[in-house]
Amino acid sequence: MDRICQRTIEKETGNKNMILEVAILNVVEGKEKQFEEDFAKAGKLISSMKGYIQHSLRKCLEVNNRYIL
């Protein structure tokens, strides 16, 4: 974890410990737009959970239906 990210987390949570989770998501081809719309809705629920700091969904440049969370 880079120092800027760590300092931000410590400032926001008062805790130096954190769990970083990464998921590779393969979406059914042709359903990418629906997935992105549904994930935007789910993001509101995810961000309301206790202990939540942040999340980021990125689309793969090489594989059209692959994302990293």
C-alpha atoms as a PDB file:
ATOM      1  CA  MET A   1       0.000   0.000   0.000  1.00  0.00           C
ATOM      2  CA  ASP A   2       1.437   3.392  -0.855  1.00  0.00           C
ATOM      3  CA  ARG A   3       2.077   5.904   1.913  1.00  0.00           C
ATOM      4  CA  ILE A   4      -0.531   8.433   0.764  1.00  0.00           C
ATOM      5  CA  CYS A   5      -3.262   5.790   0.799  1.00  0.00           C
ATOM      6  CA  GLN A   6      -2.121   4.514   4.191  1.00  0.00           C
ATOM      7  CA  ARG A   7      -2.094   8.013   5.705  1.00  0.00           C
ATOM      8  CA  THR A   8      -5.575   8.682   4.340  1.00  0.00           C
ATOM      9  CA  ILE A   9      -6.890   5.444   5.852  1.00  0.00           C
ATOM     10  CA  GLU A  10      -5.259   6.180   9.207  1.00  0.00           C
ATOM     11  CA  LYS A  11      -6.782   9.686   9.195  1.00  0.00           C
ATOM     12  CA  GLU A  12     -10.261   8.405   8.284  1.00  0.00           C
ATOM     13  CA  THR A  13     -10.325   5.351  10.540  1.00  0.00           C
ATOM     14  CA  GLY A  14      -7.700   5.939  13.214  1.00  0.00           C
ATOM     15  CA  ASN A  15      -6.388   2.471  12.362  1.00  0.00           C
ATOM     16  CA  LYS A  16      -3.194   1.419  10.595  1.00  0.00           C
ATOM     17  CA  ASN A  17      -4.615  -1.994   9.714  1.00  0.00           C
ATOM     18  CA  MET A  18      -6.704  -2.599   6.646  1.00  0.00           C
ATOM     19  CA  ILE A  19      -7.800  -5.425   4.395  1.00  0.00           C
ATOM     20  CA  LEU A  20      -7.434  -4.881   0.675  1.00  0.00           C
ATOM     21  CA  GLU A  21      -9.688  -7.105  -1.401  1.00  0.00           C
ATOM     22  CA  VAL A  22      -9.386  -7.461  -5.163  1.00  0.00           C
ATOM     23  CA  ALA A  23     -11.825  -9.372  -7.340  1.00  0.00           C
ATOM     24  CA  ILE A  24     -11.616 -10.117 -11.046  1.00  0.00           C
ATOM     25  CA  LEU A  25     -15.133 -10.201 -12.466  1.00  0.00           C
ATOM     26  CA  ASN A  26     -15.904 -11.865 -15.801  1.00  0.00           C
ATOM     27  CA  VAL A  27     -19.287 -10.667 -17.007  1.00  0.00           C
ATOM     28  CA  VAL A  28     -21.406 -12.555 -19.549  1.00  0.00           C
ATOM     29  CA  GLU A  29     -20.553 -11.127 -22.961  1.00  0.00           C
ATOM     30  CA  GLY A  30     -23.132  -8.623 -24.119  1.00  0.00           C
ATOM     31  CA  LYS A  31     -24.261  -7.890 -20.542  1.00  0.00           C
ATOM     32  CA  GLU A  32     -21.543  -5.346 -19.703  1.00  0.00           C
ATOM     33  CA  LYS A  33     -23.824  -2.288 -19.856  1.00  0.00           C
ATOM     34  CA  GLN A  34     -26.420  -3.942 -17.594  1.00  0.00           C
ATOM     35  CA  PHE A  35     -23.673  -5.040 -15.190  1.00  0.00           C
ATOM     36  CA  GLU A  36     -22.315  -1.489 -14.965  1.00  0.00           C
ATOM     37  CA  GLU A  37     -25.801  -0.101 -14.295  1.00  0.00           C
ATOM     38  CA  ASP A  38     -26.513  -2.733 -11.645  1.00  0.00           C
ATOM     39  CA  PHE A  39     -23.121  -2.235 -10.025  1.00  0.00           C
ATOM     40  CA  ALA A  40     -23.747   1.511  -9.756  1.00  0.00           C
ATOM     41  CA  LYS A  41     -26.908   0.706  -7.772  1.00  0.00           C
ATOM     42  CA  ALA A  42     -25.078  -1.876  -5.632  1.00  0.00           C
ATOM     43  CA  GLY A  43     -22.326   0.654  -4.932  1.00  0.00           C
ATOM     44  CA  LYS A  44     -24.776   2.719  -2.917  1.00  0.00           C
ATOM     45  CA  LEU A  45     -25.466  -0.273  -0.657  1.00  0.00           C
ATOM     46  CA  ILE A  46     -21.792  -1.233  -0.423  1.00  0.00           C
ATOM     47  CA  SER A  47     -20.769   2.288   0.584  1.00  0.00           C
ATOM     48  CA  SER A  48     -23.316   2.342   3.413  1.00  0.00           C
ATOM     49  CA  MET A  49     -21.768  -0.665   5.194  1.00  0.00           C
ATOM     50  CA  LYS A  50     -19.933  -0.238   8.489  1.00  0.00           C
ATOM     51  CA  GLY A  51     -16.186   0.090   8.007  1.00  0.00           C
ATOM     52  CA  TYR A  52     -16.486   0.989   4.351  1.00  0.00           C
ATOM     53  CA  ILE A  53     -13.738   3.263   3.039  1.00  0.00           C
ATOM     54  CA  GLN A  54     -13.861   3.102  -0.745  1.00  0.00           C
ATOM     55  CA  HIS A  55     -14.203   0.896  -3.789  1.00  0.00           C
ATOM     56  CA  SER A  56     -13.340   1.167  -7.438  1.00  0.00           C
ATOM     57  CA  LEU A  57     -14.598  -0.754 -10.460  1.00  0.00           C
ATOM     58  CA  ARG A  58     -12.311  -0.731 -13.509  1.00  0.00           C
ATOM     59  CA  LYS A  59     -12.954  -2.206 -16.935  1.00  0.00           C
ATOM     60  CA  CYS A  60     -10.180  -4.281 -18.504  1.00  0.00           C
ATOM     61  CA  LEU A  61      -8.713  -2.826 -21.680  1.00  0.00           C
ATOM     62  CA  GLU A  62      -7.743  -6.189 -23.208  1.00  0.00           C
ATOM     63  CA  VAL A  63     -10.869  -8.234 -22.404  1.00  0.00           C
ATOM     64  CA  ASN A  64     -14.119  -6.348 -23.014  1.00  0.00           C
ATOM     65  CA  ASN A  65     -16.209  -8.236 -20.451  1.00  0.00           C
ATOM     66  CA  ARG A  66     -13.661  -8.300 -17.594  1.00  0.00           C
ATOM     67  CA  TYR A  67     -13.570  -5.934 -14.634  1.00  0.00           C
ATOM     68  CA  ILE A  68     -11.487  -5.546 -11.508  1.00  0.00           C
ATOM     69  CA  LEU A  69     -13.074  -4.501  -8.233  1.00  0.00           C
END
